[in-house]
């Protein structure tokens, strides 16, 4: 159960982070940017991302590098909450690590599927490397789904994703893999909420993650429409995540 002291600290930190979020005007200004360099320059000068962009030459950065820095910022933001929650710190840390692992796995798989695996650049900081069983250093050289599974090492993800190995000549069903990974993640979150959170806080946390799942579902629908994929057959799998 969340202690009142740790809950107040976490709430205060969450409100502070929320206050530093990108606002509508930021997104409008970013949409007006004509290049990656302009995006990096704007984030560095006007947003809370300045700390991870300090010291970089925004006019000499490519999209992949900028994405790595933004994802690092997200990971550090999430992990910064862990040490303040004494009663569920371990579970929260597990969630933060699992989420980062899943994002790295999907990045690697999508790049491999596009024949661009050499573009993979590990985005998570050393903190993740110390706590994961995934051999992320192998992601930039994987050629086949079998090699992809080998890179997952002894992690739970190897067992989860082994059934999705495609037949020879067929592409990887990235959407099915994504659904499997996020179903696993959200089930883990639901267990934490059900067993470690009580009262009004439990309701608020459930609503928070339900909103997050809804946003994830909308994003998947848009991606499938853009890719002209099998939308109808995938929707049932996607919306099955909305069970918190």
C-alpha atoms as a PDB file:
ATOM      1  CA  UNK A   1       0.000   0.000   0.000  1.00  0.00           C
ATOM      2  CA  UNK A   2       1.272   3.474  -0.811  1.00  0.00           C
ATOM      3  CA  UNK A   3       2.507   5.378   2.254  1.00  0.00           C
ATOM      4  CA  UNK A   4       1.085   8.866   2.660  1.00  0.00           C
ATOM      5  CA  UNK A   5       4.565  10.426   2.729  1.00  0.00           C
ATOM      6  CA  UNK A   6       5.830   8.712  -0.410  1.00  0.00           C
ATOM      7  CA  UNK A   7       2.516   9.291  -2.165  1.00  0.00           C
ATOM      8  CA  UNK A   8       2.717  13.021  -1.478  1.00  0.00           C
ATOM      9  CA  UNK A   9       6.300  13.171  -2.738  1.00  0.00           C
ATOM     10  CA  UNK A  10       5.461  11.256  -5.904  1.00  0.00           C
ATOM     11  CA  UNK A  11       2.373  13.409  -6.489  1.00  0.00           C
ATOM     12  CA  UNK A  12       4.393  16.597  -6.094  1.00  0.00           C
ATOM     13  CA  UNK A  13       7.054  15.358  -8.515  1.00  0.00           C
ATOM     14  CA  UNK A  14       4.404  14.228 -10.994  1.00  0.00           C
ATOM     15  CA  UNK A  15       2.756  17.644 -10.910  1.00  0.00           C
ATOM     16  CA  UNK A  16       6.117  19.315 -11.445  1.00  0.00           C
ATOM     17  CA  UNK A  17       6.851  17.099 -14.449  1.00  0.00           C
ATOM     18  CA  UNK A  18       3.360  17.704 -15.801  1.00  0.00           C
ATOM     19  CA  UNK A  19       3.896  21.450 -15.578  1.00  0.00           C
ATOM     20  CA  UNK A  20       6.986  21.105 -17.791  1.00  0.00           C
ATOM     21  CA  UNK A  21       5.199  19.116 -20.507  1.00  0.00           C
ATOM     22  CA  UNK A  22       5.062  20.335 -24.103  1.00  0.00           C
ATOM     23  CA  UNK A  23       2.112  22.689 -24.553  1.00  0.00           C
ATOM     24  CA  UNK A  24      -0.068  23.279 -27.607  1.00  0.00           C
ATOM     25  CA  UNK A  25       2.085  26.225 -28.682  1.00  0.00           C
ATOM     26  CA  UNK A  26       5.159  23.988 -28.541  1.00  0.00           C
ATOM     27  CA  UNK A  27       3.601  21.434 -30.860  1.00  0.00           C
ATOM     28  CA  UNK A  28       2.504  24.187 -33.234  1.00  0.00           C
ATOM     29  CA  UNK A  29       6.015  25.613 -33.299  1.00  0.00           C
ATOM     30  CA  UNK A  30       7.498  22.156 -33.837  1.00  0.00           C
ATOM     31  CA  UNK A  31       5.144  21.572 -36.765  1.00  0.00           C
ATOM     32  CA  UNK A  32       6.513  24.742 -38.322  1.00  0.00           C
ATOM     33  CA  UNK A  33      10.074  23.425 -38.149  1.00  0.00           C
ATOM     34  CA  UNK A  34      11.553  22.508 -41.524  1.00  0.00           C
ATOM     35  CA  UNK A  35      14.317  20.151 -40.409  1.00  0.00           C
ATOM     36  CA  UNK A  36      15.558  17.924 -37.599  1.00  0.00           C
ATOM     37  CA  UNK A  37      18.064  20.630 -36.737  1.00  0.00           C
ATOM     38  CA  UNK A  38      15.275  23.176 -36.224  1.00  0.00           C
ATOM     39  CA  UNK A  39      13.335  20.731 -34.046  1.00  0.00           C
ATOM     40  CA  UNK A  40      16.417  20.044 -31.915  1.00  0.00           C
ATOM     41  CA  UNK A  41      17.169  23.750 -31.617  1.00  0.00           C
ATOM     42  CA  UNK A  42      13.633  24.529 -30.488  1.00  0.00           C
ATOM     43  CA  UNK A  43      13.564  21.718 -27.916  1.00  0.00           C
ATOM     44  CA  UNK A  44      16.950  22.767 -26.596  1.00  0.00           C
ATOM     45  CA  UNK A  45      16.043  26.432 -26.215  1.00  0.00           C
ATOM     46  CA  UNK A  46      12.407  26.317 -25.150  1.00  0.00           C
ATOM     47  CA  UNK A  47      11.495  23.063 -23.400  1.00  0.00           C
ATOM     48  CA  UNK A  48      12.418  20.743 -20.554  1.00  0.00           C
ATOM     49  CA  UNK A  49      14.444  18.681 -23.024  1.00  0.00           C
ATOM     50  CA  UNK A  50      17.241  21.226 -22.781  1.00  0.00           C
ATOM     51  CA  UNK A  51      19.062  19.135 -20.167  1.00  0.00           C
ATOM     52  CA  UNK A  52      19.547  16.126 -22.484  1.00  0.00           C
ATOM     53  CA  UNK A  53      20.368  18.367 -25.451  1.00  0.00           C
ATOM     54  CA  UNK A  54      22.913  20.540 -23.656  1.00  0.00           C
ATOM     55  CA  UNK A  55      26.314  20.122 -25.224  1.00  0.00           C
ATOM     56  CA  UNK A  56      25.093  18.759 -28.548  1.00  0.00           C
ATOM     57  CA  UNK A  57      25.339  20.630 -31.807  1.00  0.00           C
ATOM     58  CA  UNK A  58      21.714  20.792 -32.860  1.00  0.00           C
ATOM     59  CA  UNK A  59      22.727  21.547 -36.439  1.00  0.00           C
ATOM     60  CA  UNK A  60      24.803  18.383 -36.673  1.00  0.00           C
ATOM     61  CA  UNK A  61      22.318  15.897 -35.210  1.00  0.00           C
ATOM     62  CA  UNK A  62      20.295  13.399 -37.226  1.00  0.00           C
ATOM     63  CA  UNK A  63      16.828  12.043 -36.496  1.00  0.00           C
ATOM     64  CA  UNK A  64      18.028   8.823 -34.855  1.00  0.00           C
ATOM     65  CA  UNK A  65      20.287  10.642 -32.412  1.00  0.00           C
ATOM     66  CA  UNK A  66      17.539  13.069 -31.447  1.00  0.00           C
ATOM     67  CA  UNK A  67      15.122  10.192 -30.889  1.00  0.00           C
ATOM     68  CA  UNK A  68      17.655   8.485 -28.630  1.00  0.00           C
ATOM     69  CA  UNK A  69      18.030  11.601 -26.468  1.00  0.00           C
ATOM     70  CA  UNK A  70      14.271  12.127 -26.197  1.00  0.00           C
ATOM     71  CA  UNK A  71      13.746   8.514 -25.142  1.00  0.00           C
ATOM     72  CA  UNK A  72      16.524   8.814 -22.595  1.00  0.00           C
ATOM     73  CA  UNK A  73      14.736  11.815 -21.124  1.00  0.00           C
ATOM     74  CA  UNK A  74      11.529   9.788 -20.809  1.00  0.00           C
ATOM     75  CA  UNK A  75      13.341   6.898 -19.156  1.00  0.00           C
ATOM     76  CA  UNK A  76      15.062   9.147 -16.638  1.00  0.00           C
ATOM     77  CA  UNK A  77      11.763  10.878 -15.849  1.00  0.00           C
ATOM     78  CA  UNK A  78      10.104   7.552 -15.091  1.00  0.00           C
ATOM     79  CA  UNK A  79      12.999   6.100 -13.133  1.00  0.00           C
ATOM     80  CA  UNK A  80      13.264   9.257 -11.004  1.00  0.00           C
ATOM     81  CA  UNK A  81       9.980   8.333  -9.322  1.00  0.00           C
ATOM     82  CA  UNK A  82      11.124   4.906  -8.194  1.00  0.00           C
ATOM     83  CA  UNK A  83      13.314   5.893  -5.249  1.00  0.00           C
ATOM     84  CA  UNK A  84      10.482   7.913  -3.699  1.00  0.00           C
ATOM     85  CA  UNK A  85       8.021   5.061  -3.434  1.00  0.00           C
ATOM     86  CA  UNK A  86       9.238   2.776  -0.690  1.00  0.00           C
ATOM     87  CA  UNK A  87       6.351   0.286  -0.714  1.00  0.00           C
ATOM     88  CA  UNK A  88       6.010  -0.370  -4.456  1.00  0.00           C
ATOM     89  CA  UNK A  89       9.403   0.883  -5.614  1.00  0.00           C
ATOM     90  CA  UNK A  90      10.508  -2.527  -6.840  1.00  0.00           C
ATOM     91  CA  UNK A  91       7.304  -3.063  -8.826  1.00  0.00           C
ATOM     92  CA  UNK A  92       7.446   0.451 -10.281  1.00  0.00           C
ATOM     93  CA  UNK A  93      11.065  -0.096 -11.270  1.00  0.00           C
ATOM     94  CA  UNK A  94      10.083  -3.337 -12.994  1.00  0.00           C
ATOM     95  CA  UNK A  95       7.460  -1.458 -14.986  1.00  0.00           C
ATOM     96  CA  UNK A  96       9.873   1.300 -15.993  1.00  0.00           C
ATOM     97  CA  UNK A  97      12.451  -1.252 -17.140  1.00  0.00           C
ATOM     98  CA  UNK A  98       9.889  -3.407 -18.964  1.00  0.00           C
ATOM     99  CA  UNK A  99       8.503  -0.417 -20.830  1.00  0.00           C
ATOM    100  CA  UNK A 100      11.986   0.651 -21.924  1.00  0.00           C
ATOM    101  CA  UNK A 101      12.826  -2.924 -22.976  1.00  0.00           C
ATOM    102  CA  UNK A 102       9.685  -3.189 -25.081  1.00  0.00           C
ATOM    103  CA  UNK A 103      10.395   0.074 -26.874  1.00  0.00           C
ATOM    104  CA  UNK A 104      13.917  -1.123 -27.692  1.00  0.00           C
ATOM    105  CA  UNK A 105      12.633  -4.496 -28.919  1.00  0.00           C
ATOM    106  CA  UNK A 106      10.061  -2.913 -31.219  1.00  0.00           C
ATOM    107  CA  UNK A 107      12.578  -0.421 -32.600  1.00  0.00           C
ATOM    108  CA  UNK A 108      14.999  -3.228 -33.394  1.00  0.00           C
ATOM    109  CA  UNK A 109      12.333  -5.440 -34.957  1.00  0.00           C
ATOM    110  CA  UNK A 110      10.918  -2.688 -37.174  1.00  0.00           C
ATOM    111  CA  UNK A 111      14.386  -1.726 -38.371  1.00  0.00           C
ATOM    112  CA  UNK A 112      15.230  -5.362 -39.118  1.00  0.00           C
ATOM    113  CA  UNK A 113      11.955  -5.791 -41.023  1.00  0.00           C
ATOM    114  CA  UNK A 114      12.846  -2.743 -43.125  1.00  0.00           C
ATOM    115  CA  UNK A 115      16.378  -4.010 -43.766  1.00  0.00           C
ATOM    116  CA  UNK A 116      17.848  -1.099 -41.804  1.00  0.00           C
ATOM    117  CA  UNK A 117      19.010  -2.883 -38.662  1.00  0.00           C
ATOM    118  CA  UNK A 118      22.382  -1.123 -38.786  1.00  0.00           C
ATOM    119  CA  UNK A 119      20.540   2.087 -37.893  1.00  0.00           C
ATOM    120  CA  UNK A 120      19.599   0.719 -34.484  1.00  0.00           C
ATOM    121  CA  UNK A 121      21.039   2.772 -31.666  1.00  0.00           C
ATOM    122  CA  UNK A 122      20.401   1.751 -28.094  1.00  0.00           C
ATOM    123  CA  UNK A 123      18.361   4.567 -26.585  1.00  0.00           C
ATOM    124  CA  UNK A 124      18.130   3.409 -22.997  1.00  0.00           C
ATOM    125  CA  UNK A 125      20.827   4.534 -20.523  1.00  0.00           C
ATOM    126  CA  UNK A 126      23.289   2.293 -18.711  1.00  0.00           C
ATOM    127  CA  UNK A 127      20.744   1.825 -15.925  1.00  0.00           C
ATOM    128  CA  UNK A 128      18.708  -0.396 -18.223  1.00  0.00           C
ATOM    129  CA  UNK A 129      21.735  -2.298 -19.526  1.00  0.00           C
ATOM    130  CA  UNK A 130      22.524  -3.318 -15.939  1.00  0.00           C
ATOM    131  CA  UNK A 131      19.034  -4.688 -15.326  1.00  0.00           C
ATOM    132  CA  UNK A 132      18.028  -6.355 -18.571  1.00  0.00           C
ATOM    133  CA  UNK A 133      18.673  -9.850 -19.881  1.00  0.00           C
ATOM    134  CA  UNK A 134      18.391  -8.640 -23.476  1.00  0.00           C
ATOM    135  CA  UNK A 135      21.567  -8.453 -25.555  1.00  0.00           C
ATOM    136  CA  UNK A 136      20.776  -5.077 -27.077  1.00  0.00           C
ATOM    137  CA  UNK A 137      24.239  -4.745 -28.570  1.00  0.00           C
ATOM    138  CA  UNK A 138      23.228  -7.492 -31.044  1.00  0.00           C
ATOM    139  CA  UNK A 139      20.209  -5.615 -32.414  1.00  0.00           C
ATOM    140  CA  UNK A 140      22.249  -3.648 -34.959  1.00  0.00           C
ATOM    141  CA  UNK A 141      23.415  -6.811 -36.724  1.00  0.00           C
ATOM    142  CA  UNK A 142      20.406  -9.157 -36.641  1.00  0.00           C
ATOM    143  CA  UNK A 143      19.399 -10.518 -40.040  1.00  0.00           C
ATOM    144  CA  UNK A 144      16.671 -13.056 -39.229  1.00  0.00           C
ATOM    145  CA  UNK A 145      13.898 -13.543 -36.714  1.00  0.00           C
ATOM    146  CA  UNK A 146      15.914 -16.373 -35.204  1.00  0.00           C
ATOM    147  CA  UNK A 147      18.812 -14.005 -34.568  1.00  0.00           C
ATOM    148  CA  UNK A 148      16.314 -11.523 -33.147  1.00  0.00           C
ATOM    149  CA  UNK A 149      15.109 -14.164 -30.669  1.00  0.00           C
ATOM    150  CA  UNK A 150      18.700 -15.016 -29.757  1.00  0.00           C
ATOM    151  CA  UNK A 151      19.308 -11.349 -28.946  1.00  0.00           C
ATOM    152  CA  UNK A 152      16.434 -11.521 -26.450  1.00  0.00           C
ATOM    153  CA  UNK A 153      18.575 -13.899 -24.405  1.00  0.00           C
ATOM    154  CA  UNK A 154      16.951 -15.523 -21.400  1.00  0.00           C
ATOM    155  CA  UNK A 155      14.393 -12.748 -20.978  1.00  0.00           C
ATOM    156  CA  UNK A 156      10.668 -13.410 -20.807  1.00  0.00           C
ATOM    157  CA  UNK A 157      10.314 -11.771 -24.212  1.00  0.00           C
ATOM    158  CA  UNK A 158      11.929 -14.691 -26.009  1.00  0.00           C
ATOM    159  CA  UNK A 159       9.172 -17.018 -24.823  1.00  0.00           C
ATOM    160  CA  UNK A 160       6.474 -14.453 -25.580  1.00  0.00           C
ATOM    161  CA  UNK A 161       7.667 -13.751 -29.130  1.00  0.00           C
ATOM    162  CA  UNK A 162       8.876 -17.186 -30.275  1.00  0.00           C
ATOM    163  CA  UNK A 163       5.386 -18.104 -31.627  1.00  0.00           C
ATOM    164  CA  UNK A 164       5.500 -15.121 -33.997  1.00  0.00           C
ATOM    165  CA  UNK A 165       8.451 -16.374 -36.032  1.00  0.00           C
ATOM    166  CA  UNK A 166       7.272 -16.116 -39.658  1.00  0.00           C
ATOM    167  CA  UNK A 167       7.424 -18.890 -42.222  1.00  0.00           C
ATOM    168  CA  UNK A 168      10.229 -18.627 -44.808  1.00  0.00           C
ATOM    169  CA  UNK A 169       9.509 -15.814 -47.243  1.00  0.00           C
ATOM    170  CA  UNK A 170       6.812 -14.213 -45.092  1.00  0.00           C
ATOM    171  CA  UNK A 171       7.209 -10.869 -43.271  1.00  0.00           C
ATOM    172  CA  UNK A 172       7.142 -10.480 -39.509  1.00  0.00           C
ATOM    173  CA  UNK A 173       3.735  -9.474 -38.158  1.00  0.00           C
ATOM    174  CA  UNK A 174       5.050  -6.462 -36.243  1.00  0.00           C
ATOM    175  CA  UNK A 175       1.566  -5.422 -35.102  1.00  0.00           C
ATOM    176  CA  UNK A 176       0.959  -8.850 -33.548  1.00  0.00           C
ATOM    177  CA  UNK A 177       4.310  -8.680 -31.771  1.00  0.00           C
ATOM    178  CA  UNK A 178       3.523  -5.176 -30.526  1.00  0.00           C
ATOM    179  CA  UNK A 179       0.140  -6.292 -29.186  1.00  0.00           C
ATOM    180  CA  UNK A 180       1.714  -9.243 -27.403  1.00  0.00           C
ATOM    181  CA  UNK A 181       4.348  -7.080 -25.758  1.00  0.00           C
ATOM    182  CA  UNK A 182       1.955  -4.375 -24.590  1.00  0.00           C
ATOM    183  CA  UNK A 183      -0.576  -6.950 -23.392  1.00  0.00           C
ATOM    184  CA  UNK A 184       2.189  -8.358 -21.208  1.00  0.00           C
ATOM    185  CA  UNK A 185       3.168  -4.899 -19.972  1.00  0.00           C
ATOM    186  CA  UNK A 186      -0.363  -3.762 -19.156  1.00  0.00           C
ATOM    187  CA  UNK A 187      -1.156  -7.046 -17.432  1.00  0.00           C
ATOM    188  CA  UNK A 188       1.877  -6.419 -15.236  1.00  0.00           C
ATOM    189  CA  UNK A 189       0.613  -2.920 -14.462  1.00  0.00           C
ATOM    190  CA  UNK A 190      -2.825  -4.271 -13.616  1.00  0.00           C
ATOM    191  CA  UNK A 191      -1.295  -6.719 -11.120  1.00  0.00           C
ATOM    192  CA  UNK A 192       0.587  -3.874  -9.424  1.00  0.00           C
ATOM    193  CA  UNK A 193      -2.547  -1.753  -9.190  1.00  0.00           C
ATOM    194  CA  UNK A 194      -4.743  -4.617  -7.946  1.00  0.00           C
ATOM    195  CA  UNK A 195      -2.352  -5.840  -5.286  1.00  0.00           C
ATOM    196  CA  UNK A 196      -0.381  -2.797  -4.176  1.00  0.00           C
ATOM    197  CA  UNK A 197      -2.687   0.224  -4.448  1.00  0.00           C
ATOM    198  CA  UNK A 198      -5.768   0.906  -2.352  1.00  0.00           C
ATOM    199  CA  UNK A 199      -8.724   3.249  -2.048  1.00  0.00           C
ATOM    200  CA  UNK A 200      -9.117   6.449  -4.030  1.00  0.00           C
ATOM    201  CA  UNK A 201      -5.537   6.239  -5.280  1.00  0.00           C
ATOM    202  CA  UNK A 202      -6.301   2.885  -6.888  1.00  0.00           C
ATOM    203  CA  UNK A 203      -9.185   4.361  -8.867  1.00  0.00           C
ATOM    204  CA  UNK A 204      -7.114   7.330  -9.995  1.00  0.00           C
ATOM    205  CA  UNK A 205      -4.199   5.141 -11.092  1.00  0.00           C
ATOM    206  CA  UNK A 206      -6.509   2.815 -13.006  1.00  0.00           C
ATOM    207  CA  UNK A 207      -8.058   5.786 -14.823  1.00  0.00           C
ATOM    208  CA  UNK A 208      -4.602   7.144 -15.629  1.00  0.00           C
ATOM    209  CA  UNK A 209      -3.437   3.920 -17.241  1.00  0.00           C
ATOM    210  CA  UNK A 210      -6.749   3.439 -19.013  1.00  0.00           C
ATOM    211  CA  UNK A 211      -6.205   6.807 -20.665  1.00  0.00           C
ATOM    212  CA  UNK A 212      -2.683   5.785 -21.611  1.00  0.00           C
ATOM    213  CA  UNK A 213      -3.932   2.534 -23.146  1.00  0.00           C
ATOM    214  CA  UNK A 214      -6.581   4.417 -25.121  1.00  0.00           C
ATOM    215  CA  UNK A 215      -3.915   6.709 -26.574  1.00  0.00           C
ATOM    216  CA  UNK A 216      -1.778   3.697 -27.496  1.00  0.00           C
ATOM    217  CA  UNK A 217      -4.754   2.112 -29.241  1.00  0.00           C
ATOM    218  CA  UNK A 218      -5.507   5.255 -31.234  1.00  0.00           C
ATOM    219  CA  UNK A 219      -1.869   5.481 -32.314  1.00  0.00           C
ATOM    220  CA  UNK A 220      -1.925   1.865 -33.536  1.00  0.00           C
ATOM    221  CA  UNK A 221      -5.107   2.437 -35.512  1.00  0.00           C
ATOM    222  CA  UNK A 222      -3.574   5.438 -37.254  1.00  0.00           C
ATOM    223  CA  UNK A 223      -0.412   3.491 -38.063  1.00  0.00           C
ATOM    224  CA  UNK A 224      -2.408   0.599 -39.496  1.00  0.00           C
ATOM    225  CA  UNK A 225      -4.501   2.923 -41.628  1.00  0.00           C
ATOM    226  CA  UNK A 226      -1.374   4.605 -42.936  1.00  0.00           C
ATOM    227  CA  UNK A 227       0.169   1.240 -43.744  1.00  0.00           C
ATOM    228  CA  UNK A 228      -3.043  -0.122 -45.300  1.00  0.00           C
ATOM    229  CA  UNK A 229      -2.727  -3.160 -43.062  1.00  0.00           C
ATOM    230  CA  UNK A 230      -5.387  -5.674 -41.991  1.00  0.00           C
ATOM    231  CA  UNK A 231      -7.160  -3.204 -39.731  1.00  0.00           C
ATOM    232  CA  UNK A 232     -10.337  -5.128 -38.921  1.00  0.00           C
ATOM    233  CA  UNK A 233      -8.538  -8.332 -37.954  1.00  0.00           C
ATOM    234  CA  UNK A 234      -6.184  -6.430 -35.646  1.00  0.00           C
ATOM    235  CA  UNK A 235      -8.676  -4.197 -33.858  1.00  0.00           C
ATOM    236  CA  UNK A 236      -9.980  -6.955 -31.627  1.00  0.00           C
ATOM    237  CA  UNK A 237      -6.453  -7.698 -30.427  1.00  0.00           C
ATOM    238  CA  UNK A 238      -5.726  -4.031 -29.865  1.00  0.00           C
ATOM    239  CA  UNK A 239      -8.869  -3.198 -27.927  1.00  0.00           C
ATOM    240  CA  UNK A 240      -8.376  -6.282 -25.771  1.00  0.00           C
ATOM    241  CA  UNK A 241      -5.704  -4.193 -24.032  1.00  0.00           C
ATOM    242  CA  UNK A 242      -8.372  -1.882 -22.630  1.00  0.00           C
ATOM    243  CA  UNK A 243      -9.224  -4.140 -19.712  1.00  0.00           C
ATOM    244  CA  UNK A 244      -7.753  -2.315 -16.718  1.00  0.00           C
END
